[in-house]
PDB file of N, CA and C in Angstrom:
ATOM      1  N   UNK A   1     -24.853  12.434   6.480  1.00  0.00           N
ATOM      2  CA  UNK A   1     -25.329  13.450   5.571  1.00  0.00           C
ATOM      3  C   UNK A   1     -24.827  14.737   5.662  1.00  0.00           C
ATOM      4  N   UNK A   2     -24.530  15.638   4.484  1.00  0.00           N
ATOM      5  CA  UNK A   2     -23.942  16.840   4.582  1.00  0.00           C
ATOM      6  C   UNK A   2     -24.830  17.722   5.175  1.00  0.00           C
ATOM      7  N   UNK A   3     -24.190  18.685   5.926  1.00  0.00           N
ATOM      8  CA  UNK A   3     -24.883  19.770   6.745  1.00  0.00           C
ATOM      9  C   UNK A   3     -24.907  21.462   5.580  1.00  0.00           C
ATOM     10  N   UNK A   4     -26.023  21.814   5.472  1.00  0.00           N
ATOM     11  CA  UNK A   4     -26.025  22.835   4.859  1.00  0.00           C
ATOM     12  C   UNK A   4     -25.826  24.083   5.565  1.00  0.00           C
ATOM     13  N   UNK A   5     -25.492  23.748   6.633  1.00  0.00           N
ATOM     14  CA  UNK A   5     -24.824  25.021   7.741  1.00  0.00           C
ATOM     15  C   UNK A   5     -23.260  24.922   7.456  1.00  0.00           C
ATOM     16  N   UNK A   6     -22.603  23.769   6.910  1.00  0.00           N
ATOM     17  CA  UNK A   6     -21.077  23.909   6.378  1.00  0.00           C
ATOM     18  C   UNK A   6     -20.617  24.994   5.453  1.00  0.00           C
ATOM     19  N   UNK A   7     -19.818  25.682   5.670  1.00  0.00           N
ATOM     20  CA  UNK A   7     -19.402  26.545   4.536  1.00  0.00           C
ATOM     21  C   UNK A   7     -18.449  25.961   3.423  1.00  0.00           C
ATOM     22  N   UNK A   8     -18.954  26.136   2.377  1.00  0.00           N
ATOM     23  CA  UNK A   8     -17.979  25.682   1.260  1.00  0.00           C
ATOM     24  C   UNK A   8     -17.224  26.815   0.830  1.00  0.00           C
ATOM     25  N   UNK A   9     -15.565  26.833   1.014  1.00  0.00           N
ATOM     26  CA  UNK A   9     -14.893  27.808   0.724  1.00  0.00           C
ATOM     27  C   UNK A   9     -15.037  27.814  -0.887  1.00  0.00           C
ATOM     28  N   UNK A  10     -15.282  29.384  -1.499  1.00  0.00           N
ATOM     29  CA  UNK A  10     -15.298  29.263  -2.772  1.00  0.00           C
ATOM     30  C   UNK A  10     -13.857  29.336  -3.183  1.00  0.00           C
ATOM     31  N   UNK A  11     -12.846  29.478  -2.475  1.00  0.00           N
ATOM     32  CA  UNK A  11     -11.450  29.432  -3.074  1.00  0.00           C
ATOM     33  C   UNK A  11     -11.053  28.202  -3.427  1.00  0.00           C
ATOM     34  N   UNK A  12     -11.878  27.121  -3.089  1.00  0.00           N
ATOM     35  CA  UNK A  12     -11.605  25.655  -3.446  1.00  0.00           C
ATOM     36  C   UNK A  12     -11.320  25.624  -5.106  1.00  0.00           C
ATOM     37  N   UNK A  13     -10.515  24.811  -5.357  1.00  0.00           N
ATOM     38  CA  UNK A  13     -10.689  24.788  -6.831  1.00  0.00           C
ATOM     39  C   UNK A  13     -11.711  23.930  -7.168  1.00  0.00           C
ATOM     40  N   UNK A  14     -12.154  23.800  -8.482  1.00  0.00           N
ATOM     41  CA  UNK A  14     -13.168  22.811  -9.005  1.00  0.00           C
ATOM     42  C   UNK A  14     -12.879  21.445  -8.709  1.00  0.00           C
ATOM     43  N   UNK A  15     -11.624  20.930  -8.828  1.00  0.00           N
ATOM     44  CA  UNK A  15     -11.391  19.687  -8.691  1.00  0.00           C
ATOM     45  C   UNK A  15     -11.554  19.313  -6.949  1.00  0.00           C
ATOM     46  N   UNK A  16     -11.266  20.274  -6.421  1.00  0.00           N
ATOM     47  CA  UNK A  16     -11.458  19.983  -4.952  1.00  0.00           C
ATOM     48  C   UNK A  16     -12.823  19.977  -4.579  1.00  0.00           C
ATOM     49  N   UNK A  17     -13.618  20.949  -4.817  1.00  0.00           N
ATOM     50  CA  UNK A  17     -15.110  20.961  -4.818  1.00  0.00           C
ATOM     51  C   UNK A  17     -15.829  19.723  -5.478  1.00  0.00           C
ATOM     52  N   UNK A  18     -15.516  19.185  -6.406  1.00  0.00           N
ATOM     53  CA  UNK A  18     -15.821  17.800  -6.862  1.00  0.00           C
ATOM     54  C   UNK A  18     -15.091  16.684  -6.093  1.00  0.00           C
ATOM     55  N   UNK A  19     -14.056  16.539  -5.753  1.00  0.00           N
ATOM     56  CA  UNK A  19     -13.623  15.559  -4.753  1.00  0.00           C
ATOM     57  C   UNK A  19     -14.268  15.439  -3.516  1.00  0.00           C
ATOM     58  N   UNK A  20     -14.677  16.586  -2.724  1.00  0.00           N
ATOM     59  CA  UNK A  20     -15.617  16.845  -1.991  1.00  0.00           C
ATOM     60  C   UNK A  20     -17.115  16.646  -2.126  1.00  0.00           C
ATOM     61  N   UNK A  21     -17.658  17.164  -2.908  1.00  0.00           N
ATOM     62  CA  UNK A  21     -18.975  16.997  -3.335  1.00  0.00           C
ATOM     63  C   UNK A  21     -19.446  16.579  -4.519  1.00  0.00           C
ATOM     64  N   UNK A  22     -18.954  15.164  -4.750  1.00  0.00           N
ATOM     65  CA  UNK A  22     -19.111  14.598  -6.247  1.00  0.00           C
ATOM     66  C   UNK A  22     -20.630  14.708  -6.714  1.00  0.00           C
ATOM     67  N   UNK A  23     -21.446  15.158  -6.042  1.00  0.00           N
ATOM     68  CA  UNK A  23     -22.814  15.540  -6.777  1.00  0.00           C
ATOM     69  C   UNK A  23     -22.750  16.930  -7.417  1.00  0.00           C
ATOM     70  N   UNK A  24     -22.019  17.866  -7.103  1.00  0.00           N
ATOM     71  CA  UNK A  24     -21.608  18.946  -7.653  1.00  0.00           C
ATOM     72  C   UNK A  24     -21.587  19.198  -9.137  1.00  0.00           C
ATOM     73  N   UNK A  25     -21.288  18.005  -9.847  1.00  0.00           N
ATOM     74  CA  UNK A  25     -20.887  17.988 -11.238  1.00  0.00           C
ATOM     75  C   UNK A  25     -21.731  18.385 -12.114  1.00  0.00           C
ATOM     76  N   UNK A  26     -22.948  18.122 -11.973  1.00  0.00           N
ATOM     77  CA  UNK A  26     -24.257  18.201 -12.624  1.00  0.00           C
ATOM     78  C   UNK A  26     -24.694  19.762 -12.511  1.00  0.00           C
ATOM     79  N   UNK A  27     -24.399  20.286 -11.440  1.00  0.00           N
ATOM     80  CA  UNK A  27     -24.913  21.680 -11.050  1.00  0.00           C
ATOM     81  C   UNK A  27     -23.915  22.497 -11.707  1.00  0.00           C
ATOM     82  N   UNK A  28     -22.482  22.320 -11.763  1.00  0.00           N
ATOM     83  CA  UNK A  28     -21.492  22.902 -12.102  1.00  0.00           C
ATOM     84  C   UNK A  28     -21.639  23.044 -14.046  1.00  0.00           C
ATOM     85  N   UNK A  29     -21.785  21.742 -14.410  1.00  0.00           N
ATOM     86  CA  UNK A  29     -22.239  21.828 -15.851  1.00  0.00           C
ATOM     87  C   UNK A  29     -23.441  22.821 -16.238  1.00  0.00           C
ATOM     88  N   UNK A  30     -24.397  22.605 -15.538  1.00  0.00           N
ATOM     89  CA  UNK A  30     -25.642  23.548 -15.648  1.00  0.00           C
ATOM     90  C   UNK A  30     -25.236  24.988 -15.708  1.00  0.00           C
ATOM     91  N   UNK A  31     -24.178  25.235 -14.868  1.00  0.00           N
ATOM     92  CA  UNK A  31     -23.579  26.641 -14.688  1.00  0.00           C
ATOM     93  C   UNK A  31     -22.890  26.737 -15.647  1.00  0.00           C
ATOM     94  N   UNK A  32     -22.608  26.033 -16.630  1.00  0.00           N
ATOM     95  CA  UNK A  32     -21.334  26.278 -17.810  1.00  0.00           C
ATOM     96  C   UNK A  32     -20.052  26.342 -17.108  1.00  0.00           C
ATOM     97  N   UNK A  33     -19.767  25.722 -15.968  1.00  0.00           N
ATOM     98  CA  UNK A  33     -18.440  25.820 -15.475  1.00  0.00           C
ATOM     99  C   UNK A  33     -17.636  24.889 -15.811  1.00  0.00           C
ATOM    100  N   UNK A  34     -16.527  25.023 -16.722  1.00  0.00           N
ATOM    101  CA  UNK A  34     -15.762  23.758 -17.279  1.00  0.00           C
ATOM    102  C   UNK A  34     -15.218  23.073 -15.947  1.00  0.00           C
ATOM    103  N   UNK A  35     -15.621  22.005 -15.886  1.00  0.00           N
ATOM    104  CA  UNK A  35     -14.587  20.838 -14.779  1.00  0.00           C
ATOM    105  C   UNK A  35     -13.802  20.211 -15.315  1.00  0.00           C
ATOM    106  N   UNK A  36     -13.302  20.351 -16.396  1.00  0.00           N
ATOM    107  CA  UNK A  36     -12.122  19.717 -17.028  1.00  0.00           C
ATOM    108  C   UNK A  36     -10.989  20.568 -17.145  1.00  0.00           C
ATOM    109  N   UNK A  37     -10.978  21.568 -18.159  1.00  0.00           N
ATOM    110  CA  UNK A  37      -9.578  22.446 -18.448  1.00  0.00           C
ATOM    111  C   UNK A  37      -9.619  23.269 -17.458  1.00  0.00           C
ATOM    112  N   UNK A  38     -10.861  23.982 -16.780  1.00  0.00           N
ATOM    113  CA  UNK A  38     -10.850  24.754 -15.812  1.00  0.00           C
ATOM    114  C   UNK A  38     -10.311  23.993 -14.092  1.00  0.00           C
ATOM    115  N   UNK A  39     -10.238  23.007 -14.240  1.00  0.00           N
ATOM    116  CA  UNK A  39     -10.334  22.204 -12.681  1.00  0.00           C
ATOM    117  C   UNK A  39      -9.462  22.677 -11.649  1.00  0.00           C
ATOM    118  N   UNK A  40      -8.496  23.615 -11.976  1.00  0.00           N
ATOM    119  CA  UNK A  40      -7.481  24.012 -10.963  1.00  0.00           C
ATOM    120  C   UNK A  40      -7.798  25.630 -10.569  1.00  0.00           C
ATOM    121  N   UNK A  41      -9.065  25.974 -11.375  1.00  0.00           N
ATOM    122  CA  UNK A  41      -9.566  27.561 -11.152  1.00  0.00           C
ATOM    123  C   UNK A  41     -10.274  27.406  -9.740  1.00  0.00           C
ATOM    124  N   UNK A  42     -10.309  28.245  -8.962  1.00  0.00           N
ATOM    125  CA  UNK A  42     -11.158  28.453  -8.023  1.00  0.00           C
ATOM    126  C   UNK A  42     -12.654  28.312  -8.270  1.00  0.00           C
ATOM    127  N   UNK A  43     -13.618  28.087  -7.392  1.00  0.00           N
ATOM    128  CA  UNK A  43     -15.113  28.195  -7.441  1.00  0.00           C
ATOM    129  C   UNK A  43     -15.393  29.607  -7.979  1.00  0.00           C
ATOM    130  N   UNK A  44     -14.672  30.516  -6.992  1.00  0.00           N
ATOM    131  CA  UNK A  44     -15.204  31.898  -7.217  1.00  0.00           C
ATOM    132  C   UNK A  44     -14.700  32.327  -8.650  1.00  0.00           C
ATOM    133  N   UNK A  45     -13.444  32.003  -9.052  1.00  0.00           N
ATOM    134  CA  UNK A  45     -13.137  32.625 -10.289  1.00  0.00           C
ATOM    135  C   UNK A  45     -13.824  31.939 -11.477  1.00  0.00           C
ATOM    136  N   UNK A  46     -14.192  30.615 -11.425  1.00  0.00           N
ATOM    137  CA  UNK A  46     -15.029  29.902 -12.458  1.00  0.00           C
ATOM    138  C   UNK A  46     -16.292  30.702 -12.497  1.00  0.00           C
ATOM    139  N   UNK A  47     -17.043  30.934 -11.585  1.00  0.00           N
ATOM    140  CA  UNK A  47     -18.436  31.591 -11.118  1.00  0.00           C
ATOM    141  C   UNK A  47     -18.193  32.985 -11.920  1.00  0.00           C
ATOM    142  N   UNK A  48     -17.327  33.782 -11.580  1.00  0.00           N
ATOM    143  CA  UNK A  48     -17.091  34.926 -12.080  1.00  0.00           C
ATOM    144  C   UNK A  48     -16.795  34.938 -13.741  1.00  0.00           C
ATOM    145  N   UNK A  49     -16.182  34.176 -13.950  1.00  0.00           N
ATOM    146  CA  UNK A  49     -15.953  33.999 -15.669  1.00  0.00           C
ATOM    147  C   UNK A  49     -17.362  33.640 -16.446  1.00  0.00           C
ATOM    148  N   UNK A  50     -18.441  33.131 -15.871  1.00  0.00           N
ATOM    149  CA  UNK A  50     -19.308  32.911 -16.216  1.00  0.00           C
ATOM    150  C   UNK A  50     -20.503  33.709 -16.051  1.00  0.00           C
ATOM    151  N   UNK A  51     -20.200  34.652 -15.189  1.00  0.00           N
ATOM    152  CA  UNK A  51     -21.020  35.797 -14.919  1.00  0.00           C
ATOM    153  C   UNK A  51     -21.790  35.555 -13.586  1.00  0.00           C
ATOM    154  N   UNK A  52     -21.634  34.309 -12.576  1.00  0.00           N
ATOM    155  CA  UNK A  52     -22.706  33.870 -11.535  1.00  0.00           C
ATOM    156  C   UNK A  52     -21.873  34.192 -10.389  1.00  0.00           C
ATOM    157  N   UNK A  53     -22.758  34.086  -9.337  1.00  0.00           N
ATOM    158  CA  UNK A  53     -21.983  34.430  -7.867  1.00  0.00           C
ATOM    159  C   UNK A  53     -21.517  33.128  -7.503  1.00  0.00           C
ATOM    160  N   UNK A  54     -20.381  33.157  -6.891  1.00  0.00           N
ATOM    161  CA  UNK A  54     -19.793  31.922  -6.289  1.00  0.00           C
ATOM    162  C   UNK A  54     -20.551  31.210  -4.853  1.00  0.00           C
ATOM    163  N   UNK A  55     -20.793  32.443  -4.346  1.00  0.00           N
ATOM    164  CA  UNK A  55     -21.400  31.835  -3.016  1.00  0.00           C
ATOM    165  C   UNK A  55     -22.975  31.309  -3.093  1.00  0.00           C
ATOM    166  N   UNK A  56     -23.460  31.844  -4.313  1.00  0.00           N
ATOM    167  CA  UNK A  56     -24.625  31.224  -4.632  1.00  0.00           C
ATOM    168  C   UNK A  56     -24.819  29.769  -5.052  1.00  0.00           C
ATOM    169  N   UNK A  57     -23.440  29.781  -6.089  1.00  0.00           N
ATOM    170  CA  UNK A  57     -23.390  28.197  -6.383  1.00  0.00           C
ATOM    171  C   UNK A  57     -22.792  27.306  -5.197  1.00  0.00           C
ATOM    172  N   UNK A  58     -22.213  27.899  -4.324  1.00  0.00           N
ATOM    173  CA  UNK A  58     -21.564  26.986  -3.165  1.00  0.00           C
ATOM    174  C   UNK A  58     -22.959  26.542  -2.369  1.00  0.00           C
ATOM    175  N   UNK A  59     -23.524  27.745  -1.928  1.00  0.00           N
ATOM    176  CA  UNK A  59     -24.762  27.467  -1.306  1.00  0.00           C
ATOM    177  C   UNK A  59     -25.946  26.263  -2.004  1.00  0.00           C
ATOM    178  N   UNK A  60     -25.737  26.296  -3.323  1.00  0.00           N
ATOM    179  CA  UNK A  60     -26.772  25.293  -4.127  1.00  0.00           C
ATOM    180  C   UNK A  60     -25.871  23.743  -3.980  1.00  0.00           C
ATOM    181  N   UNK A  61     -24.685  23.903  -4.045  1.00  0.00           N
ATOM    182  CA  UNK A  61     -23.875  22.660  -4.090  1.00  0.00           C
ATOM    183  C   UNK A  61     -23.917  21.964  -2.587  1.00  0.00           C
ATOM    184  N   UNK A  62     -23.889  22.862  -1.735  1.00  0.00           N
ATOM    185  CA  UNK A  62     -24.189  22.164  -0.384  1.00  0.00           C
ATOM    186  C   UNK A  62     -25.580  21.720  -0.064  1.00  0.00           C
ATOM    187  N   UNK A  63     -26.639  22.457  -0.679  1.00  0.00           N
ATOM    188  CA  UNK A  63     -28.404  22.109  -0.616  1.00  0.00           C
ATOM    189  C   UNK A  63     -28.297  20.695  -1.386  1.00  0.00           C
ATOM    190  N   UNK A  64     -27.644  20.516  -2.522  1.00  0.00           N
ATOM    191  CA  UNK A  64     -27.802  19.205  -3.407  1.00  0.00           C
ATOM    192  C   UNK A  64     -27.291  18.288  -2.732  1.00  0.00           C
ATOM    193  N   UNK A  65     -25.806  18.442  -2.122  1.00  0.00           N
ATOM    194  CA  UNK A  65     -25.265  17.420  -1.354  1.00  0.00           C
ATOM    195  C   UNK A  65     -25.977  16.794  -0.251  1.00  0.00           C
ATOM    196  N   UNK A  66     -26.661  18.029   0.636  1.00  0.00           N
ATOM    197  CA  UNK A  66     -27.477  17.475   1.577  1.00  0.00           C
ATOM    198  C   UNK A  66     -28.769  16.600   1.114  1.00  0.00           C
ATOM    199  N   UNK A  67     -29.135  16.934   0.221  1.00  0.00           N
ATOM    200  CA  UNK A  67     -30.505  16.437  -0.013  1.00  0.00           C
ATOM    201  C   UNK A  67     -30.161  14.956  -0.787  1.00  0.00           C
ATOM    202  N   UNK A  68     -28.953  14.751  -1.618  1.00  0.00           N
ATOM    203  CA  UNK A  68     -28.839  13.484  -1.993  1.00  0.00           C
ATOM    204  C   UNK A  68     -27.699  12.661  -1.479  1.00  0.00           C
ATOM    205  N   UNK A  69     -27.045  13.347  -0.378  1.00  0.00           N
ATOM    206  CA  UNK A  69     -26.191  12.513   0.701  1.00  0.00           C
ATOM    207  C   UNK A  69     -25.166  11.778  -0.391  1.00  0.00           C
ATOM    208  N   UNK A  70     -24.899  12.453  -1.444  1.00  0.00           N
ATOM    209  CA  UNK A  70     -23.811  11.796  -2.398  1.00  0.00           C
ATOM    210  C   UNK A  70     -22.519  11.513  -1.860  1.00  0.00           C
ATOM    211  N   UNK A  71     -21.970  10.324  -1.582  1.00  0.00           N
ATOM    212  CA  UNK A  71     -20.611   9.959  -1.467  1.00  0.00           C
ATOM    213  C   UNK A  71     -19.827   9.330  -2.484  1.00  0.00           C
ATOM    214  N   UNK A  72     -20.548   8.946  -3.700  1.00  0.00           N
ATOM    215  CA  UNK A  72     -19.862   8.187  -4.673  1.00  0.00           C
ATOM    216  C   UNK A  72     -19.700   9.293  -5.959  1.00  0.00           C
ATOM    217  N   UNK A  73     -18.713   8.918  -6.484  1.00  0.00           N
ATOM    218  CA  UNK A  73     -18.357  10.232  -7.597  1.00  0.00           C
ATOM    219  C   UNK A  73     -18.904   9.363  -8.715  1.00  0.00           C
ATOM    220  N   UNK A  74     -19.679  10.396  -9.557  1.00  0.00           N
ATOM    221  CA  UNK A  74     -20.199   9.982 -10.823  1.00  0.00           C
ATOM    222  C   UNK A  74     -19.202   9.482 -11.890  1.00  0.00           C
ATOM    223  N   UNK A  75     -19.769   8.646 -12.658  1.00  0.00           N
ATOM    224  CA  UNK A  75     -18.852   8.397 -13.830  1.00  0.00           C
ATOM    225  C   UNK A  75     -18.095   9.492 -14.602  1.00  0.00           C
ATOM    226  N   UNK A  76     -17.074   9.527 -15.248  1.00  0.00           N
ATOM    227  CA  UNK A  76     -16.457  10.677 -15.601  1.00  0.00           C
ATOM    228  C   UNK A  76     -17.477  11.071 -16.914  1.00  0.00           C
ATOM    229  N   UNK A  77     -17.217  12.488 -17.289  1.00  0.00           N
ATOM    230  CA  UNK A  77     -18.053  12.550 -18.629  1.00  0.00           C
ATOM    231  C   UNK A  77     -17.212  13.626 -19.354  1.00  0.00           C
ATOM    232  N   UNK A  78     -17.586  13.621 -20.517  1.00  0.00           N
ATOM    233  CA  UNK A  78     -16.795  14.670 -21.572  1.00  0.00           C
ATOM    234  C   UNK A  78     -16.996  16.135 -20.614  1.00  0.00           C
ATOM    235  N   UNK A  79     -15.898  16.733 -20.962  1.00  0.00           N
ATOM    236  CA  UNK A  79     -16.321  18.219 -20.018  1.00  0.00           C
ATOM    237  C   UNK A  79     -17.132  19.267 -20.841  1.00  0.00           C
ATOM    238  N   UNK A  80     -17.559  20.281 -20.168  1.00  0.00           N
ATOM    239  CA  UNK A  80     -18.377  21.190 -20.781  1.00  0.00           C
ATOM    240  C   UNK A  80     -17.792  22.174 -21.947  1.00  0.00           C
ATOM    241  N   UNK A  81     -16.753  21.989 -21.904  1.00  0.00           N
ATOM    242  CA  UNK A  81     -15.955  22.837 -23.133  1.00  0.00           C
ATOM    243  C   UNK A  81     -16.023  21.996 -24.456  1.00  0.00           C
ATOM    244  N   UNK A  82     -16.385  21.004 -24.336  1.00  0.00           N
ATOM    245  CA  UNK A  82     -16.462  19.954 -25.589  1.00  0.00           C
ATOM    246  C   UNK A  82     -14.937  19.257 -26.116  1.00  0.00           C
ATOM    247  N   UNK A  83     -14.120  19.395 -25.029  1.00  0.00           N
ATOM    248  CA  UNK A  83     -13.211  18.641 -25.316  1.00  0.00           C
ATOM    249  C   UNK A  83     -13.254  16.886 -25.031  1.00  0.00           C
ATOM    250  N   UNK A  84     -12.402  16.095 -25.409  1.00  0.00           N
ATOM    251  CA  UNK A  84     -12.566  14.834 -25.124  1.00  0.00           C
ATOM    252  C   UNK A  84     -12.168  14.243 -23.666  1.00  0.00           C
ATOM    253  N   UNK A  85     -11.585  15.158 -22.788  1.00  0.00           N
ATOM    254  CA  UNK A  85     -10.757  14.935 -21.723  1.00  0.00           C
ATOM    255  C   UNK A  85     -12.052  14.646 -20.579  1.00  0.00           C
ATOM    256  N   UNK A  86     -11.381  14.238 -19.447  1.00  0.00           N
ATOM    257  CA  UNK A  86     -12.156  14.119 -18.229  1.00  0.00           C
ATOM    258  C   UNK A  86     -11.618  14.546 -17.029  1.00  0.00           C
ATOM    259  N   UNK A  87     -12.570  14.902 -16.186  1.00  0.00           N
ATOM    260  CA  UNK A  87     -12.195  16.017 -15.244  1.00  0.00           C
ATOM    261  C   UNK A  87     -11.146  15.272 -14.236  1.00  0.00           C
TER     262      UNK A  87
END
């Protein structure tokens, strides 16, 4: 199980966050963070781009991971920007 005391580095890229916390995909999409075309962007920069706090998103990712204990990546979906690519 993931620990909510573990710090998620908000300088990690979106792709790194998704690799380490597969359950984060739904949250990132709900926050309007593009997990496809902006996958190389840091969580901090992506959060700022949509007017949100990267630390708050990181805390929610850790809480979600702890609650779901998700270790299997979800099926790829179309990205939030509307392109047909996958993350």
